[in-house]
Amino acid sequence: AFGTPDLLGYNTNCHFFTVELKVTSGNKIRFSPHQISFHVRHPLNTFILVKKLAPSLSKLSDKKLDEYYLYEGKDIQELAASGLSLDACCSSLDACRLKLESLA
C-alpha cells in the first residue's frame, strides 16, 4: 500500500516495528504525503532511518563515513519540516540496532 514503510521488523522480544529508509546528501529529507500519513496514523513502534551520505572526497586517505540517524515515526512532521536539525533518538547503526532490539 502507498506509504507503507520499507521494513517490517520483529525482535527477540516478539515485538513488531516498521522502518522507513531514507537517504540524503544534505539536511532535508523528502517524504511523500502517503508516508507522512502512515506515520501520523501509526505513531508507535514506527521508525525512520536516515543515511546521510558523506561528502565526496578527492583523497582516499581522507575518507569519511556515512552517518545514520533513527527517528520515531511520531516525529515525522517535525522531521519533514526541520530535517536533520531535529535530534534523533539514535545516531549510529549500532545504537539503532540496540534501540530496535530493546523494544518490548
N, C-alpha and C. Protein backbone atom coordinates (compact mmCIF):
# COMPACT_ATOMS: atom_id res chain seq x y z
N ALA A 1 0.84 -1.19 0.00
CA ALA A 1 0.00 0.00 0.00
C ALA A 1 0.88 1.25 0.00
N PHE A 2 0.32 2.32 -0.52
CA PHE A 2 1.07 3.58 -0.55
C PHE A 2 1.43 4.00 0.87
N GLY A 3 2.68 4.41 1.07
CA GLY A 3 3.12 4.92 2.35
C GLY A 3 3.60 3.87 3.33
N THR A 4 3.39 2.58 3.01
CA THR A 4 3.83 1.53 3.91
C THR A 4 5.36 1.56 4.01
N PRO A 5 5.92 1.52 5.23
CA PRO A 5 7.37 1.57 5.39
C PRO A 5 8.10 0.43 4.68
N ASP A 6 9.38 0.64 4.45
CA ASP A 6 10.21 -0.30 3.70
C ASP A 6 10.46 -1.61 4.43
N LEU A 7 10.58 -1.57 5.75
CA LEU A 7 10.91 -2.77 6.52
C LEU A 7 9.88 -3.05 7.60
N LEU A 8 9.57 -4.31 7.77
CA LEU A 8 8.78 -4.77 8.91
C LEU A 8 9.71 -5.64 9.73
N GLY A 9 9.93 -5.26 10.97
CA GLY A 9 10.86 -6.00 11.82
C GLY A 9 10.14 -6.70 12.96
N TYR A 10 10.83 -7.69 13.50
CA TYR A 10 10.31 -8.48 14.61
C TYR A 10 11.52 -8.84 15.46
N ASN A 11 11.57 -8.36 16.71
CA ASN A 11 12.76 -8.59 17.51
C ASN A 11 12.61 -9.81 18.42
N THR A 12 13.64 -10.10 19.18
CA THR A 12 13.63 -11.30 20.04
C THR A 12 12.65 -11.18 21.20
N ASN A 13 12.11 -9.97 21.44
CA ASN A 13 11.08 -9.78 22.46
C ASN A 13 9.68 -9.99 21.86
N CYS A 14 9.64 -10.54 20.63
CA CYS A 14 8.37 -10.78 19.91
C CYS A 14 7.62 -9.47 19.66
N HIS A 15 8.35 -8.44 19.31
CA HIS A 15 7.77 -7.12 19.12
C HIS A 15 7.93 -6.69 17.66
N PHE A 16 6.82 -6.32 17.02
CA PHE A 16 6.85 -5.84 15.64
C PHE A 16 7.14 -4.35 15.60
N PHE A 17 7.83 -3.91 14.54
CA PHE A 17 8.07 -2.49 14.31
C PHE A 17 8.29 -2.29 12.82
N THR A 18 8.16 -1.05 12.35
CA THR A 18 8.41 -0.74 10.95
C THR A 18 9.53 0.29 10.86
N VAL A 19 10.23 0.28 9.73
CA VAL A 19 11.31 1.24 9.49
C VAL A 19 11.18 1.77 8.06
N GLU A 20 11.09 3.07 7.93
CA GLU A 20 11.13 3.75 6.64
C GLU A 20 12.59 4.12 6.39
N LEU A 21 13.12 3.77 5.23
CA LEU A 21 14.52 4.05 4.90
C LEU A 21 14.62 5.29 4.02
N LYS A 22 15.52 6.20 4.38
CA LYS A 22 15.73 7.42 3.62
C LYS A 22 17.23 7.66 3.45
N VAL A 23 17.59 8.31 2.34
CA VAL A 23 18.97 8.69 2.07
C VAL A 23 18.97 10.17 1.69
N THR A 24 19.95 10.91 2.22
CA THR A 24 20.07 12.32 1.88
C THR A 24 21.54 12.71 1.79
N SER A 25 21.82 13.71 0.99
CA SER A 25 23.19 14.23 0.95
C SER A 25 23.28 15.55 1.69
N GLY A 26 22.13 16.11 2.04
CA GLY A 26 22.08 17.36 2.80
C GLY A 26 21.36 17.14 4.11
N ASN A 27 20.64 18.15 4.55
CA ASN A 27 19.91 18.03 5.81
C ASN A 27 18.42 17.80 5.61
N LYS A 28 17.91 18.02 4.41
CA LYS A 28 16.48 17.87 4.12
C LYS A 28 16.17 16.41 3.79
N ILE A 29 14.99 15.97 4.26
CA ILE A 29 14.53 14.61 3.99
C ILE A 29 13.17 14.71 3.31
N ARG A 30 13.02 14.03 2.20
CA ARG A 30 11.77 14.08 1.45
C ARG A 30 10.87 12.92 1.81
N PHE A 31 9.59 13.24 2.05
CA PHE A 31 8.58 12.23 2.33
C PHE A 31 7.40 12.46 1.41
N SER A 32 6.76 11.38 1.00
CA SER A 32 5.52 11.51 0.24
C SER A 32 4.39 11.80 1.22
N PRO A 33 3.30 12.37 0.76
CA PRO A 33 2.15 12.57 1.65
C PRO A 33 1.66 11.24 2.24
N HIS A 34 1.77 10.15 1.48
CA HIS A 34 1.35 8.84 1.98
C HIS A 34 2.24 8.38 3.15
N GLN A 35 3.54 8.64 3.04
CA GLN A 35 4.47 8.25 4.12
C GLN A 35 4.18 9.05 5.39
N ILE A 36 3.93 10.34 5.24
CA ILE A 36 3.60 11.16 6.39
C ILE A 36 2.30 10.68 7.02
N SER A 37 1.31 10.42 6.19
CA SER A 37 0.02 9.94 6.68
C SER A 37 0.15 8.63 7.45
N PHE A 38 0.96 7.71 6.94
CA PHE A 38 1.14 6.43 7.62
C PHE A 38 1.66 6.65 9.03
N HIS A 39 2.70 7.45 9.17
CA HIS A 39 3.33 7.65 10.48
C HIS A 39 2.45 8.47 11.42
N VAL A 40 1.64 9.38 10.88
CA VAL A 40 0.70 10.12 11.71
C VAL A 40 -0.37 9.16 12.25
N ARG A 41 -0.84 8.24 11.40
CA ARG A 41 -1.86 7.27 11.83
C ARG A 41 -1.28 6.16 12.70
N HIS A 42 0.02 5.88 12.57
CA HIS A 42 0.69 4.81 13.32
C HIS A 42 1.93 5.38 14.01
N PRO A 43 1.75 6.16 15.08
CA PRO A 43 2.89 6.84 15.70
C PRO A 43 3.75 5.95 16.60
N LEU A 44 3.27 4.79 16.96
CA LEU A 44 4.02 3.93 17.88
C LEU A 44 4.72 2.80 17.14
N ASN A 45 5.93 2.48 17.56
CA ASN A 45 6.70 1.36 17.01
C ASN A 45 6.97 1.51 15.52
N THR A 46 7.02 2.75 15.06
CA THR A 46 7.40 3.04 13.68
C THR A 46 8.62 3.96 13.73
N PHE A 47 9.52 3.76 12.80
CA PHE A 47 10.78 4.49 12.81
C PHE A 47 11.18 4.92 11.41
N ILE A 48 12.03 5.92 11.35
CA ILE A 48 12.61 6.39 10.09
C ILE A 48 14.12 6.36 10.27
N LEU A 49 14.80 5.60 9.42
CA LEU A 49 16.26 5.51 9.45
C LEU A 49 16.80 6.31 8.28
N VAL A 50 17.59 7.34 8.59
CA VAL A 50 18.14 8.23 7.56
C VAL A 50 19.64 7.99 7.44
N LYS A 51 20.08 7.76 6.22
CA LYS A 51 21.51 7.66 5.92
C LYS A 51 21.92 8.98 5.28
N LYS A 52 22.83 9.69 5.94
CA LYS A 52 23.37 10.92 5.36
C LYS A 52 24.69 10.58 4.71
N LEU A 53 24.74 10.77 3.41
CA LEU A 53 25.94 10.43 2.66
C LEU A 53 27.08 11.37 3.00
N ALA A 54 28.27 10.81 3.15
CA ALA A 54 29.46 11.63 3.39
C ALA A 54 29.75 12.43 2.12
N PRO A 55 30.30 13.64 2.28
CA PRO A 55 30.66 14.42 1.09
C PRO A 55 31.68 13.66 0.25
N SER A 56 31.59 13.82 -1.07
CA SER A 56 32.58 13.16 -1.93
C SER A 56 33.95 13.75 -1.65
N LEU A 57 34.95 12.91 -1.73
CA LEU A 57 36.30 13.33 -1.38
C LEU A 57 37.27 13.06 -2.51
N SER A 58 38.29 13.90 -2.58
CA SER A 58 39.29 13.70 -3.63
C SER A 58 40.42 12.79 -3.17
N LYS A 59 40.63 12.67 -1.87
CA LYS A 59 41.71 11.84 -1.35
C LYS A 59 41.13 10.64 -0.61
N LEU A 60 41.60 9.47 -0.95
CA LEU A 60 41.13 8.27 -0.26
C LEU A 60 41.54 8.27 1.21
N SER A 61 42.66 8.88 1.53
CA SER A 61 43.12 8.88 2.91
C SER A 61 42.21 9.73 3.81
N ASP A 62 41.43 10.63 3.20
CA ASP A 62 40.52 11.49 3.97
C ASP A 62 39.10 10.93 3.96
N LYS A 63 38.95 9.65 3.66
CA LYS A 63 37.62 9.05 3.51
C LYS A 63 36.78 9.24 4.78
N LYS A 64 35.58 9.78 4.59
CA LYS A 64 34.65 9.96 5.70
C LYS A 64 33.54 8.92 5.56
N LEU A 65 32.96 8.58 6.68
CA LEU A 65 31.90 7.58 6.68
C LEU A 65 30.53 8.25 6.62
N ASP A 66 29.57 7.53 6.04
CA ASP A 66 28.19 7.99 6.05
C ASP A 66 27.71 8.02 7.50
N GLU A 67 26.71 8.84 7.76
CA GLU A 67 26.14 8.95 9.09
C GLU A 67 24.72 8.39 9.07
N TYR A 68 24.27 7.82 10.20
CA TYR A 68 22.94 7.23 10.30
C TYR A 68 22.20 7.83 11.48
N TYR A 69 20.91 8.10 11.27
CA TYR A 69 20.07 8.69 12.31
C TYR A 69 18.73 7.96 12.34
N LEU A 70 18.27 7.63 13.54
CA LEU A 70 16.98 6.96 13.71
C LEU A 70 16.02 7.92 14.41
N TYR A 71 14.83 8.06 13.81
CA TYR A 71 13.77 8.91 14.37
C TYR A 71 12.53 8.07 14.61
N GLU A 72 11.75 8.46 15.60
CA GLU A 72 10.48 7.78 15.84
C GLU A 72 9.44 8.31 14.85
N GLY A 73 8.55 7.42 14.41
CA GLY A 73 7.54 7.79 13.43
C GLY A 73 6.66 8.95 13.88
N LYS A 74 6.42 9.06 15.18
CA LYS A 74 5.58 10.13 15.71
C LYS A 74 6.16 11.51 15.40
N ASP A 75 7.45 11.58 15.08
CA ASP A 75 8.13 12.86 14.81
C ASP A 75 8.21 13.20 13.33
N ILE A 76 7.48 12.48 12.47
CA ILE A 76 7.67 12.65 11.02
C ILE A 76 7.35 14.05 10.53
N GLN A 77 6.33 14.69 11.07
CA GLN A 77 6.00 16.03 10.58
C GLN A 77 7.10 17.04 10.93
N GLU A 78 7.63 16.94 12.13
CA GLU A 78 8.73 17.82 12.53
C GLU A 78 10.01 17.47 11.74
N LEU A 79 10.22 16.19 11.49
CA LEU A 79 11.39 15.76 10.71
C LEU A 79 11.29 16.28 9.28
N ALA A 80 10.10 16.22 8.70
CA ALA A 80 9.90 16.73 7.34
C ALA A 80 10.16 18.23 7.27
N ALA A 81 9.78 18.95 8.34
CA ALA A 81 9.96 20.40 8.37
C ALA A 81 11.38 20.81 8.73
N SER A 82 11.99 20.11 9.68
CA SER A 82 13.29 20.52 10.22
C SER A 82 14.47 19.78 9.62
N GLY A 83 14.24 18.61 9.05
CA GLY A 83 15.33 17.80 8.53
C GLY A 83 16.23 17.31 9.64
N LEU A 84 17.48 17.12 9.33
CA LEU A 84 18.43 16.53 10.28
C LEU A 84 18.79 17.46 11.43
N SER A 85 18.27 18.68 11.46
CA SER A 85 18.49 19.53 12.63
C SER A 85 17.67 19.03 13.82
N LEU A 86 16.67 18.18 13.56
CA LEU A 86 15.89 17.56 14.64
C LEU A 86 16.75 16.50 15.30
N ASP A 87 16.75 16.47 16.62
CA ASP A 87 17.53 15.48 17.35
C ASP A 87 16.98 14.08 17.09
N ALA A 88 17.86 13.16 16.77
CA ALA A 88 17.49 11.76 16.53
C ALA A 88 17.47 11.01 17.84
N CYS A 89 16.71 9.91 17.89
CA CYS A 89 16.74 9.09 19.11
C CYS A 89 18.00 8.23 19.13
N CYS A 90 18.61 7.99 17.98
CA CYS A 90 19.87 7.25 17.87
C CYS A 90 20.68 7.83 16.72
N SER A 91 22.01 7.79 16.83
CA SER A 91 22.81 8.38 15.76
C SER A 91 24.03 7.53 15.37
N SER A 92 23.86 6.23 15.42
CA SER A 92 24.85 5.32 14.84
C SER A 92 24.12 4.03 14.53
N LEU A 93 24.65 3.24 13.62
CA LEU A 93 23.98 1.98 13.28
C LEU A 93 23.88 1.06 14.49
N ASP A 94 24.92 1.02 15.30
CA ASP A 94 24.89 0.15 16.47
C ASP A 94 23.84 0.61 17.47
N ALA A 95 23.74 1.91 17.70
CA ALA A 95 22.73 2.45 18.61
C ALA A 95 21.33 2.18 18.07
N CYS A 96 21.16 2.27 16.75
CA CYS A 96 19.86 1.98 16.13
C CYS A 96 19.49 0.52 16.35
N ARG A 97 20.43 -0.36 16.15
CA ARG A 97 20.20 -1.80 16.37
C ARG A 97 19.78 -2.06 17.80
N LEU A 98 20.51 -1.48 18.75
CA LEU A 98 20.19 -1.68 20.17
C LEU A 98 18.79 -1.15 20.50
N LYS A 99 18.42 -0.02 19.94
CA LYS A 99 17.09 0.55 20.18
C LYS A 99 16.00 -0.41 19.68
N LEU A 100 16.16 -0.91 18.48
CA LEU A 100 15.13 -1.81 17.90
C LEU A 100 15.10 -3.14 18.60
N GLU A 101 16.25 -3.63 19.04
CA GLU A 101 16.30 -4.90 19.79
C GLU A 101 15.66 -4.78 21.15
N SER A 102 15.67 -3.58 21.74
CA SER A 102 15.17 -3.41 23.10
C SER A 102 13.68 -3.13 23.18
N LEU A 103 13.02 -2.95 22.04
CA LEU A 103 11.58 -2.69 22.07
C LEU A 103 10.84 -3.84 22.72
N ALA A 104 9.90 -3.51 23.59
CA ALA A 104 9.12 -4.55 24.26
C ALA A 104 7.67 -4.14 24.36
